[in-house]
Amino acid sequence: MKKEIEAEILTLGKMLGIYCGARHGAALCPACLELLAGASERLRRCPREPKPPCRKCPANCWPPDQRQRLREVMRFAGPRMPLRHPLLALKHYLKYF
């Protein structure tokens, strides 16, 4: 399980890199670094076994503002992931099928 969480954190980091690079002109700005740190901590502390996708989880452990920011990041970076990180994107998409 720990390996899956670390892979999810890596994927989120790459998505934030794509988003922040395009929107903020930096690899990762302080706000995006803070979002990644908070997301990493929440993912590592997830009590569900096996861990469901956060959007399908009955527990809302994300504050509404962070949840909205993550949705925005994923909506922007998701379609770009296969172009920038094809293997990572494929593993991420196949995980849910």
PDB file of N, CA and C in Angstrom:
ATOM      1  N   MET A   1       0.818  -1.198   0.000  1.00  0.00           N
ATOM      2  CA  MET A   1       0.000   0.000   0.000  1.00  0.00           C
ATOM      3  C   MET A   1       0.859   1.258   0.000  1.00  0.00           C
ATOM      4  N   LYS A   2       1.940   1.243   0.748  1.00  0.00           N
ATOM      5  CA  LYS A   2       2.800   2.421   0.822  1.00  0.00           C
ATOM      6  C   LYS A   2       3.354   2.778  -0.554  1.00  0.00           C
ATOM      7  N   LYS A   3       3.669   1.757  -1.343  1.00  0.00           N
ATOM      8  CA  LYS A   3       4.202   1.986  -2.681  1.00  0.00           C
ATOM      9  C   LYS A   3       3.174   2.711  -3.564  1.00  0.00           C
ATOM     10  N   GLU A   4       1.904   2.329  -3.426  1.00  0.00           N
ATOM     11  CA  GLU A   4       0.844   2.970  -4.202  1.00  0.00           C
ATOM     12  C   GLU A   4       0.674   4.432  -3.799  1.00  0.00           C
ATOM     13  N   ILE A   5       0.758   4.701  -2.516  1.00  0.00           N
ATOM     14  CA  ILE A   5       0.625   6.079  -2.027  1.00  0.00           C
ATOM     15  C   ILE A   5       1.776   6.931  -2.555  1.00  0.00           C
ATOM     16  N   GLU A   6       2.985   6.394  -2.501  1.00  0.00           N
ATOM     17  CA  GLU A   6       4.145   7.143  -3.000  1.00  0.00           C
ATOM     18  C   GLU A   6       4.021   7.395  -4.503  1.00  0.00           C
ATOM     19  N   ALA A   7       3.487   6.418  -5.250  1.00  0.00           N
ATOM     20  CA  ALA A   7       3.273   6.611  -6.688  1.00  0.00           C
ATOM     21  C   ALA A   7       2.229   7.699  -6.932  1.00  0.00           C
ATOM     22  N   GLU A   8       1.206   7.728  -6.101  1.00  0.00           N
ATOM     23  CA  GLU A   8       0.176   8.760  -6.228  1.00  0.00           C
ATOM     24  C   GLU A   8       0.745  10.146  -5.922  1.00  0.00           C
ATOM     25  N   ILE A   9       1.607  10.222  -4.928  1.00  0.00           N
ATOM     26  CA  ILE A   9       2.250  11.495  -4.586  1.00  0.00           C
ATOM     27  C   ILE A   9       3.164  11.945  -5.725  1.00  0.00           C
ATOM     28  N   LEU A  10       3.894  11.008  -6.323  1.00  0.00           N
ATOM     29  CA  LEU A  10       4.758  11.334  -7.461  1.00  0.00           C
ATOM     30  C   LEU A  10       3.922  11.874  -8.621  1.00  0.00           C
ATOM     31  N   THR A  11       2.815  11.201  -8.915  1.00  0.00           N
ATOM     32  CA  THR A  11       1.934  11.643  -9.994  1.00  0.00           C
ATOM     33  C   THR A  11       1.394  13.042  -9.717  1.00  0.00           C
ATOM     34  N   LEU A  12       0.961  13.273  -8.498  1.00  0.00           N
ATOM     35  CA  LEU A  12       0.452  14.593  -8.130  1.00  0.00           C
ATOM     36  C   LEU A  12       1.541  15.655  -8.255  1.00  0.00           C
ATOM     37  N   GLY A  13       2.762  15.320  -7.871  1.00  0.00           N
ATOM     38  CA  GLY A  13       3.879  16.254  -8.008  1.00  0.00           C
ATOM     39  C   GLY A  13       4.141  16.621  -9.460  1.00  0.00           C
ATOM     40  N   LYS A  14       4.076  15.623 -10.342  1.00  0.00           N
ATOM     41  CA  LYS A  14       4.272  15.887 -11.777  1.00  0.00           C
ATOM     42  C   LYS A  14       3.135  16.753 -12.320  1.00  0.00           C
ATOM     43  N   MET A  15       1.905  16.472 -11.873  1.00  0.00           N
ATOM     44  CA  MET A  15       0.764  17.277 -12.322  1.00  0.00           C
ATOM     45  C   MET A  15       0.899  18.721 -11.845  1.00  0.00           C
ATOM     46  N   LEU A  16       1.322  18.890 -10.611  1.00  0.00           N
ATOM     47  CA  LEU A  16       1.528  20.246 -10.094  1.00  0.00           C
ATOM     48  C   LEU A  16       2.648  20.952 -10.853  1.00  0.00           C
ATOM     49  N   GLY A  17       3.681  20.218 -11.246  1.00  0.00           N
ATOM     50  CA  GLY A  17       4.759  20.803 -12.040  1.00  0.00           C
ATOM     51  C   GLY A  17       4.259  21.316 -13.380  1.00  0.00           C
ATOM     52  N   ILE A  18       3.407  20.536 -14.035  1.00  0.00           N
ATOM     53  CA  ILE A  18       2.825  20.947 -15.318  1.00  0.00           C
ATOM     54  C   ILE A  18       1.954  22.189 -15.120  1.00  0.00           C
ATOM     55  N   TYR A  19       1.093  22.130 -14.118  1.00  0.00           N
ATOM     56  CA  TYR A  19       0.167  23.233 -13.850  1.00  0.00           C
ATOM     57  C   TYR A  19       0.916  24.508 -13.480  1.00  0.00           C
ATOM     58  N   CYS A  20       1.816  24.403 -12.523  1.00  0.00           N
ATOM     59  CA  CYS A  20       2.515  25.584 -12.028  1.00  0.00           C
ATOM     60  C   CYS A  20       3.430  26.172 -13.107  1.00  0.00           C
ATOM     61  N   GLY A  21       4.069  25.308 -13.885  1.00  0.00           N
ATOM     62  CA  GLY A  21       4.930  25.795 -14.961  1.00  0.00           C
ATOM     63  C   GLY A  21       4.160  26.612 -15.984  1.00  0.00           C
ATOM     64  N   ALA A  22       2.932  26.185 -16.282  1.00  0.00           N
ATOM     65  CA  ALA A  22       2.122  26.886 -17.276  1.00  0.00           C
ATOM     66  C   ALA A  22       1.417  28.109 -16.691  1.00  0.00           C
ATOM     67  N   ARG A  23       0.957  28.016 -15.460  1.00  0.00           N
ATOM     68  CA  ARG A  23       0.166  29.094 -14.867  1.00  0.00           C
ATOM     69  C   ARG A  23       0.989  30.125 -14.111  1.00  0.00           C
ATOM     70  N   HIS A  24       2.019  29.665 -13.411  1.00  0.00           N
ATOM     71  CA  HIS A  24       2.787  30.566 -12.551  1.00  0.00           C
ATOM     72  C   HIS A  24       4.201  30.817 -13.061  1.00  0.00           C
ATOM     73  N   GLY A  25       4.577  30.138 -14.129  1.00  0.00           N
ATOM     74  CA  GLY A  25       5.884  30.364 -14.729  1.00  0.00           C
ATOM     75  C   GLY A  25       7.053  29.864 -13.908  1.00  0.00           C
ATOM     76  N   ALA A  26       6.798  28.942 -13.001  1.00  0.00           N
ATOM     77  CA  ALA A  26       7.875  28.402 -12.167  1.00  0.00           C
ATOM     78  C   ALA A  26       7.720  26.887 -12.104  1.00  0.00           C
ATOM     79  N   ALA A  27       8.788  26.210 -11.741  1.00  0.00           N
ATOM     80  CA  ALA A  27       8.701  24.758 -11.582  1.00  0.00           C
ATOM     81  C   ALA A  27       7.633  24.446 -10.536  1.00  0.00           C
ATOM     82  N   LEU A  28       7.790  24.968  -9.347  1.00  0.00           N
ATOM     83  CA  LEU A  28       6.759  24.892  -8.307  1.00  0.00           C
ATOM     84  C   LEU A  28       6.873  26.143  -7.445  1.00  0.00           C
ATOM     85  N   CYS A  29       5.834  26.952  -7.469  1.00  0.00           N
ATOM     86  CA  CYS A  29       5.816  28.165  -6.652  1.00  0.00           C
ATOM     87  C   CYS A  29       5.528  27.784  -5.196  1.00  0.00           C
ATOM     88  N   PRO A  30       5.699  28.702  -4.258  1.00  0.00           N
ATOM     89  CA  PRO A  30       5.439  28.379  -2.845  1.00  0.00           C
ATOM     90  C   PRO A  30       4.016  27.879  -2.575  1.00  0.00           C
ATOM     91  N   ALA A  31       3.026  28.436  -3.256  1.00  0.00           N
ATOM     92  CA  ALA A  31       1.639  27.997  -3.039  1.00  0.00           C
ATOM     93  C   ALA A  31       1.441  26.556  -3.510  1.00  0.00           C
ATOM     94  N   CYS A  32       2.031  26.210  -4.645  1.00  0.00           N
ATOM     95  CA  CYS A  32       1.900  24.841  -5.158  1.00  0.00           C
ATOM     96  C   CYS A  32       2.724  23.860  -4.324  1.00  0.00           C
ATOM     97  N   LEU A  33       3.868  24.310  -3.835  1.00  0.00           N
ATOM     98  CA  LEU A  33       4.657  23.462  -2.931  1.00  0.00           C
ATOM     99  C   LEU A  33       3.878  23.171  -1.652  1.00  0.00           C
ATOM    100  N   GLU A  34       3.187  24.175  -1.150  1.00  0.00           N
ATOM    101  CA  GLU A  34       2.374  23.998   0.057  1.00  0.00           C
ATOM    102  C   GLU A  34       1.222  23.025  -0.205  1.00  0.00           C
ATOM    103  N   LEU A  35       0.597  23.140  -1.375  1.00  0.00           N
ATOM    104  CA  LEU A  35      -0.483  22.224  -1.737  1.00  0.00           C
ATOM    105  C   LEU A  35       0.037  20.790  -1.843  1.00  0.00           C
ATOM    106  N   LEU A  36       1.205  20.617  -2.447  1.00  0.00           N
ATOM    107  CA  LEU A  36       1.806  19.285  -2.570  1.00  0.00           C
ATOM    108  C   LEU A  36       2.157  18.712  -1.206  1.00  0.00           C
ATOM    109  N   ALA A  37       2.701  19.532  -0.330  1.00  0.00           N
ATOM    110  CA  ALA A  37       3.057  19.055   1.013  1.00  0.00           C
ATOM    111  C   ALA A  37       1.809  18.626   1.785  1.00  0.00           C
ATOM    112  N   GLY A  38       0.759  19.416   1.704  1.00  0.00           N
ATOM    113  CA  GLY A  38      -0.489  19.065   2.386  1.00  0.00           C
ATOM    114  C   GLY A  38      -1.119  17.808   1.808  1.00  0.00           C
ATOM    115  N   ALA A  39      -1.089  17.694   0.487  1.00  0.00           N
ATOM    116  CA  ALA A  39      -1.653  16.514  -0.165  1.00  0.00           C
ATOM    117  C   ALA A  39      -0.860  15.262   0.191  1.00  0.00           C
ATOM    118  N   SER A  40       0.453  15.380   0.212  1.00  0.00           N
ATOM    119  CA  SER A  40       1.301  14.239   0.564  1.00  0.00           C
ATOM    120  C   SER A  40       0.994  13.755   1.974  1.00  0.00           C
ATOM    121  N   GLU A  41       0.860  14.688   2.880  1.00  0.00           N
ATOM    122  CA  GLU A  41       0.569  14.328   4.270  1.00  0.00           C
ATOM    123  C   GLU A  41      -0.793  13.648   4.388  1.00  0.00           C
ATOM    124  N   ARG A  42      -1.794  14.174   3.709  1.00  0.00           N
ATOM    125  CA  ARG A  42      -3.130  13.571   3.777  1.00  0.00           C
ATOM    126  C   ARG A  42      -3.144  12.182   3.147  1.00  0.00           C
ATOM    127  N   LEU A  43      -2.454  12.029   2.028  1.00  0.00           N
ATOM    128  CA  LEU A  43      -2.413  10.715   1.379  1.00  0.00           C
ATOM    129  C   LEU A  43      -1.724   9.681   2.264  1.00  0.00           C
ATOM    130  N   ARG A  44      -0.652  10.080   2.909  1.00  0.00           N
ATOM    131  CA  ARG A  44       0.069   9.142   3.780  1.00  0.00           C
ATOM    132  C   ARG A  44      -0.754   8.756   5.008  1.00  0.00           C
ATOM    133  N   ARG A  45      -1.629   9.640   5.457  1.00  0.00           N
ATOM    134  CA  ARG A  45      -2.434   9.362   6.647  1.00  0.00           C
ATOM    135  C   ARG A  45      -3.796   8.754   6.329  1.00  0.00           C
ATOM    136  N   CYS A  46      -4.072   8.463   5.081  1.00  0.00           N
ATOM    137  CA  CYS A  46      -5.384   7.933   4.689  1.00  0.00           C
ATOM    138  C   CYS A  46      -5.640   6.601   5.393  1.00  0.00           C
ATOM    139  N   PRO A  47      -6.758   6.500   6.140  1.00  0.00           N
ATOM    140  CA  PRO A  47      -7.040   5.274   6.890  1.00  0.00           C
ATOM    141  C   PRO A  47      -7.710   4.183   6.058  1.00  0.00           C
ATOM    142  N   ARG A  48      -8.147   4.483   4.857  1.00  0.00           N
ATOM    143  CA  ARG A  48      -8.875   3.506   4.039  1.00  0.00           C
ATOM    144  C   ARG A  48      -7.925   2.439   3.498  1.00  0.00           C
ATOM    145  N   GLU A  49      -8.412   1.215   3.474  1.00  0.00           N
ATOM    146  CA  GLU A  49      -7.612   0.100   2.961  1.00  0.00           C
ATOM    147  C   GLU A  49      -8.527  -0.797   2.145  1.00  0.00           C
ATOM    148  N   PRO A  50      -8.419  -0.877   0.854  1.00  0.00           N
ATOM    149  CA  PRO A  50      -7.508  -0.138  -0.015  1.00  0.00           C
ATOM    150  C   PRO A  50      -7.997   1.301  -0.194  1.00  0.00           C
ATOM    151  N   LYS A  51      -7.073   2.167  -0.508  1.00  0.00           N
ATOM    152  CA  LYS A  51      -7.390   3.586  -0.633  1.00  0.00           C
ATOM    153  C   LYS A  51      -8.215   3.832  -1.901  1.00  0.00           C
ATOM    154  N   PRO A  52      -9.421   4.393  -1.739  1.00  0.00           N
ATOM    155  CA  PRO A  52     -10.221   4.735  -2.916  1.00  0.00           C
ATOM    156  C   PRO A  52      -9.762   6.080  -3.486  1.00  0.00           C
ATOM    157  N   PRO A  53     -10.185   6.400  -4.704  1.00  0.00           N
ATOM    158  CA  PRO A  53      -9.924   7.753  -5.192  1.00  0.00           C
ATOM    159  C   PRO A  53     -10.583   8.758  -4.250  1.00  0.00           C
ATOM    160  N   CYS A  54      -9.937   9.854  -3.994  1.00  0.00           N
ATOM    161  CA  CYS A  54     -10.445  10.831  -3.016  1.00  0.00           C
ATOM    162  C   CYS A  54     -11.846  11.312  -3.359  1.00  0.00           C
ATOM    163  N   ARG A  55     -12.146  11.464  -4.641  1.00  0.00           N
ATOM    164  CA  ARG A  55     -13.469  11.981  -5.005  1.00  0.00           C
ATOM    165  C   ARG A  55     -14.583  10.983  -4.690  1.00  0.00           C
ATOM    166  N   LYS A  56     -14.242   9.698  -4.541  1.00  0.00           N
ATOM    167  CA  LYS A  56     -15.248   8.680  -4.231  1.00  0.00           C
ATOM    168  C   LYS A  56     -15.262   8.294  -2.757  1.00  0.00           C
ATOM    169  N   CYS A  57     -14.393   8.873  -1.981  1.00  0.00           N
ATOM    170  CA  CYS A  57     -14.272   8.526  -0.570  1.00  0.00           C
ATOM    171  C   CYS A  57     -15.406   9.172   0.232  1.00  0.00           C
ATOM    172  N   PRO A  58     -16.021   8.422   1.162  1.00  0.00           N
ATOM    173  CA  PRO A  58     -17.097   9.008   1.966  1.00  0.00           C
ATOM    174  C   PRO A  58     -16.606  10.041   2.987  1.00  0.00           C
ATOM    175  N   ALA A  59     -15.351   9.983   3.368  1.00  0.00           N
ATOM    176  CA  ALA A  59     -14.801  10.952   4.327  1.00  0.00           C
ATOM    177  C   ALA A  59     -14.257  12.156   3.565  1.00  0.00           C
ATOM    178  N   ASN A  60     -14.599  13.341   4.025  1.00  0.00           N
ATOM    179  CA  ASN A  60     -14.077  14.559   3.399  1.00  0.00           C
ATOM    180  C   ASN A  60     -12.931  15.088   4.241  1.00  0.00           C
ATOM    181  N   CYS A  61     -11.718  14.638   3.968  1.00  0.00           N
ATOM    182  CA  CYS A  61     -10.575  15.081   4.768  1.00  0.00           C
ATOM    183  C   CYS A  61      -9.908  16.318   4.162  1.00  0.00           C
ATOM    184  N   TRP A  62     -10.419  16.792   3.031  1.00  0.00           N
ATOM    185  CA  TRP A  62      -9.854  17.963   2.373  1.00  0.00           C
ATOM    186  C   TRP A  62     -10.709  19.186   2.654  1.00  0.00           C
ATOM    187  N   PRO A  63     -10.098  20.295   3.043  1.00  0.00           N
ATOM    188  CA  PRO A  63     -10.859  21.550   3.144  1.00  0.00           C
ATOM    189  C   PRO A  63     -11.363  21.939   1.747  1.00  0.00           C
ATOM    190  N   PRO A  64     -12.525  22.573   1.652  1.00  0.00           N
ATOM    191  CA  PRO A  64     -13.102  22.898   0.345  1.00  0.00           C
ATOM    192  C   PRO A  64     -12.174  23.688  -0.575  1.00  0.00           C
ATOM    193  N   ASP A  65     -11.396  24.625  -0.044  1.00  0.00           N
ATOM    194  CA  ASP A  65     -10.523  25.422  -0.910  1.00  0.00           C
ATOM    195  C   ASP A  65      -9.405  24.562  -1.502  1.00  0.00           C
ATOM    196  N   GLN A  66      -8.832  23.656  -0.722  1.00  0.00           N
ATOM    197  CA  GLN A  66      -7.785  22.777  -1.249  1.00  0.00           C
ATOM    198  C   GLN A  66      -8.366  21.783  -2.250  1.00  0.00           C
ATOM    199  N   ARG A  67      -9.543  21.270  -1.968  1.00  0.00           N
ATOM    200  CA  ARG A  67     -10.194  20.332  -2.883  1.00  0.00           C
ATOM    201  C   ARG A  67     -10.413  21.000  -4.234  1.00  0.00           C
ATOM    202  N   GLN A  68     -10.866  22.252  -4.209  1.00  0.00           N
ATOM    203  CA  GLN A  68     -11.100  22.993  -5.447  1.00  0.00           C
ATOM    204  C   GLN A  68      -9.793  23.236  -6.201  1.00  0.00           C
ATOM    205  N   ARG A  69      -8.733  23.591  -5.484  1.00  0.00           N
ATOM    206  CA  ARG A  69      -7.435  23.815  -6.141  1.00  0.00           C
ATOM    207  C   ARG A  69      -6.914  22.532  -6.775  1.00  0.00           C
ATOM    208  N   LEU A  70      -7.059  21.403  -6.079  1.00  0.00           N
ATOM    209  CA  LEU A  70      -6.604  20.130  -6.641  1.00  0.00           C
ATOM    210  C   LEU A  70      -7.411  19.755  -7.877  1.00  0.00           C
ATOM    211  N   ARG A  71      -8.706  19.995  -7.845  1.00  0.00           N
ATOM    212  CA  ARG A  71      -9.530  19.731  -9.034  1.00  0.00           C
ATOM    213  C   ARG A  71      -9.052  20.568 -10.211  1.00  0.00           C
ATOM    214  N   GLU A  72      -8.760  21.830  -9.945  1.00  0.00           N
ATOM    215  CA  GLU A  72      -8.279  22.727 -10.996  1.00  0.00           C
ATOM    216  C   GLU A  72      -6.955  22.226 -11.574  1.00  0.00           C
ATOM    217  N   VAL A  73      -6.047  21.812 -10.701  1.00  0.00           N
ATOM    218  CA  VAL A  73      -4.751  21.284 -11.145  1.00  0.00           C
ATOM    219  C   VAL A  73      -4.955  20.039 -11.996  1.00  0.00           C
ATOM    220  N   MET A  74      -5.775  19.113 -11.521  1.00  0.00           N
ATOM    221  CA  MET A  74      -5.979  17.856 -12.242  1.00  0.00           C
ATOM    222  C   MET A  74      -6.712  18.071 -13.558  1.00  0.00           C
ATOM    223  N   ARG A  75      -7.657  18.987 -13.562  1.00  0.00           N
ATOM    224  CA  ARG A  75      -8.387  19.285 -14.796  1.00  0.00           C
ATOM    225  C   ARG A  75      -7.445  19.873 -15.849  1.00  0.00           C
ATOM    226  N   PHE A  76      -6.499  20.701 -15.416  1.00  0.00           N
ATOM    227  CA  PHE A  76      -5.546  21.306 -16.345  1.00  0.00           C
ATOM    228  C   PHE A  76      -4.467  20.309 -16.765  1.00  0.00           C
ATOM    229  N   ALA A  77      -3.860  19.639 -15.782  1.00  0.00           N
ATOM    230  CA  ALA A  77      -2.689  18.803 -16.058  1.00  0.00           C
ATOM    231  C   ALA A  77      -3.041  17.407 -16.560  1.00  0.00           C
ATOM    232  N   GLY A  78      -4.227  16.907 -16.221  1.00  0.00           N
ATOM    233  CA  GLY A  78      -4.608  15.550 -16.616  1.00  0.00           C
ATOM    234  C   GLY A  78      -4.459  15.275 -18.108  1.00  0.00           C
ATOM    235  N   PRO A  79      -5.031  16.115 -18.977  1.00  0.00           N
ATOM    236  CA  PRO A  79      -4.892  15.872 -20.415  1.00  0.00           C
ATOM    237  C   PRO A  79      -3.459  16.045 -20.929  1.00  0.00           C
ATOM    238  N   ARG A  80      -2.622  16.750 -20.204  1.00  0.00           N
ATOM    239  CA  ARG A  80      -1.242  16.982 -20.632  1.00  0.00           C
ATOM    240  C   ARG A  80      -0.278  15.907 -20.119  1.00  0.00           C
ATOM    241  N   MET A  81      -0.704  15.140 -19.133  1.00  0.00           N
ATOM    242  CA  MET A  81       0.165  14.115 -18.543  1.00  0.00           C
ATOM    243  C   MET A  81       0.672  13.095 -19.563  1.00  0.00           C
ATOM    244  N   PRO A  82      -0.181  12.554 -20.448  1.00  0.00           N
ATOM    245  CA  PRO A  82       0.339  11.562 -21.394  1.00  0.00           C
ATOM    246  C   PRO A  82       1.425  12.107 -22.323  1.00  0.00           C
ATOM    247  N   LEU A  83       1.412  13.403 -22.560  1.00  0.00           N
ATOM    248  CA  LEU A  83       2.441  13.999 -23.415  1.00  0.00           C
ATOM    249  C   LEU A  83       3.752  14.213 -22.670  1.00  0.00           C
ATOM    250  N   ARG A  84       3.680  14.579 -21.407  1.00  0.00           N
ATOM    251  CA  ARG A  84       4.873  14.900 -20.620  1.00  0.00           C
ATOM    252  C   ARG A  84       5.437  13.698 -19.871  1.00  0.00           C
ATOM    253  N   HIS A  85       4.551  12.841 -19.362  1.00  0.00           N
ATOM    254  CA  HIS A  85       4.957  11.677 -18.560  1.00  0.00           C
ATOM    255  C   HIS A  85       4.081  10.483 -18.956  1.00  0.00           C
ATOM    256  N   PRO A  86       4.295   9.920 -20.160  1.00  0.00           N
ATOM    257  CA  PRO A  86       3.374   8.902 -20.672  1.00  0.00           C
ATOM    258  C   PRO A  86       3.271   7.639 -19.810  1.00  0.00           C
ATOM    259  N   LEU A  87       4.369   7.111 -19.325  1.00  0.00           N
ATOM    260  CA  LEU A  87       4.302   5.878 -18.534  1.00  0.00           C
ATOM    261  C   LEU A  87       3.617   6.105 -17.193  1.00  0.00           C
ATOM    262  N   LEU A  88       3.931   7.193 -16.570  1.00  0.00           N
ATOM    263  CA  LEU A  88       3.301   7.526 -15.290  1.00  0.00           C
ATOM    264  C   LEU A  88       1.796   7.735 -15.473  1.00  0.00           C
ATOM    265  N   ALA A  89       1.418   8.412 -16.549  1.00  0.00           N
ATOM    266  CA  ALA A  89      -0.004   8.643 -16.823  1.00  0.00           C
ATOM    267  C   ALA A  89      -0.723   7.324 -17.091  1.00  0.00           C
ATOM    268  N   LEU A  90      -0.109   6.449 -17.848  1.00  0.00           N
ATOM    269  CA  LEU A  90      -0.723   5.158 -18.152  1.00  0.00           C
ATOM    270  C   LEU A  90      -0.931   4.335 -16.885  1.00  0.00           C
ATOM    271  N   LYS A  91       0.079   4.285 -16.027  1.00  0.00           N
ATOM    272  CA  LYS A  91      -0.056   3.557 -14.765  1.00  0.00           C
ATOM    273  C   LYS A  91      -1.169   4.151 -13.911  1.00  0.00           C
ATOM    274  N   HIS A  92      -1.255   5.462 -13.891  1.00  0.00           N
ATOM    275  CA  HIS A  92      -2.281   6.141 -13.089  1.00  0.00           C
ATOM    276  C   HIS A  92      -3.682   5.828 -13.614  1.00  0.00           C
ATOM    277  N   TYR A  93      -3.865   5.885 -14.935  1.00  0.00           N
ATOM    278  CA  TYR A  93      -5.182   5.632 -15.507  1.00  0.00           C
ATOM    279  C   TYR A  93      -5.589   4.168 -15.367  1.00  0.00           C
ATOM    280  N   LEU A  94      -4.653   3.248 -15.541  1.00  0.00           N
ATOM    281  CA  LEU A  94      -4.964   1.817 -15.449  1.00  0.00           C
ATOM    282  C   LEU A  94      -5.286   1.376 -14.027  1.00  0.00           C
ATOM    283  N   LYS A  95      -4.814   2.119 -13.065  1.00  0.00           N
ATOM    284  CA  LYS A  95      -5.042   1.770 -11.664  1.00  0.00           C
ATOM    285  C   LYS A  95      -6.534   1.729 -11.330  1.00  0.00           C
ATOM    286  N   TYR A  96      -7.338   2.509 -12.012  1.00  0.00           N
ATOM    287  CA  TYR A  96      -8.755   2.612 -11.688  1.00  0.00           C
ATOM    288  C   TYR A  96      -9.643   1.730 -12.558  1.00  0.00           C
ATOM    289  N   PHE A  97      -9.037   0.849 -13.357  1.00  0.00           N
ATOM    290  CA  PHE A  97      -9.846  -0.067 -14.193  1.00  0.00           C
ATOM    291  C   PHE A  97      -9.639  -1.490 -13.784  1.00  0.00           C
TER     292      PHE A  97
END
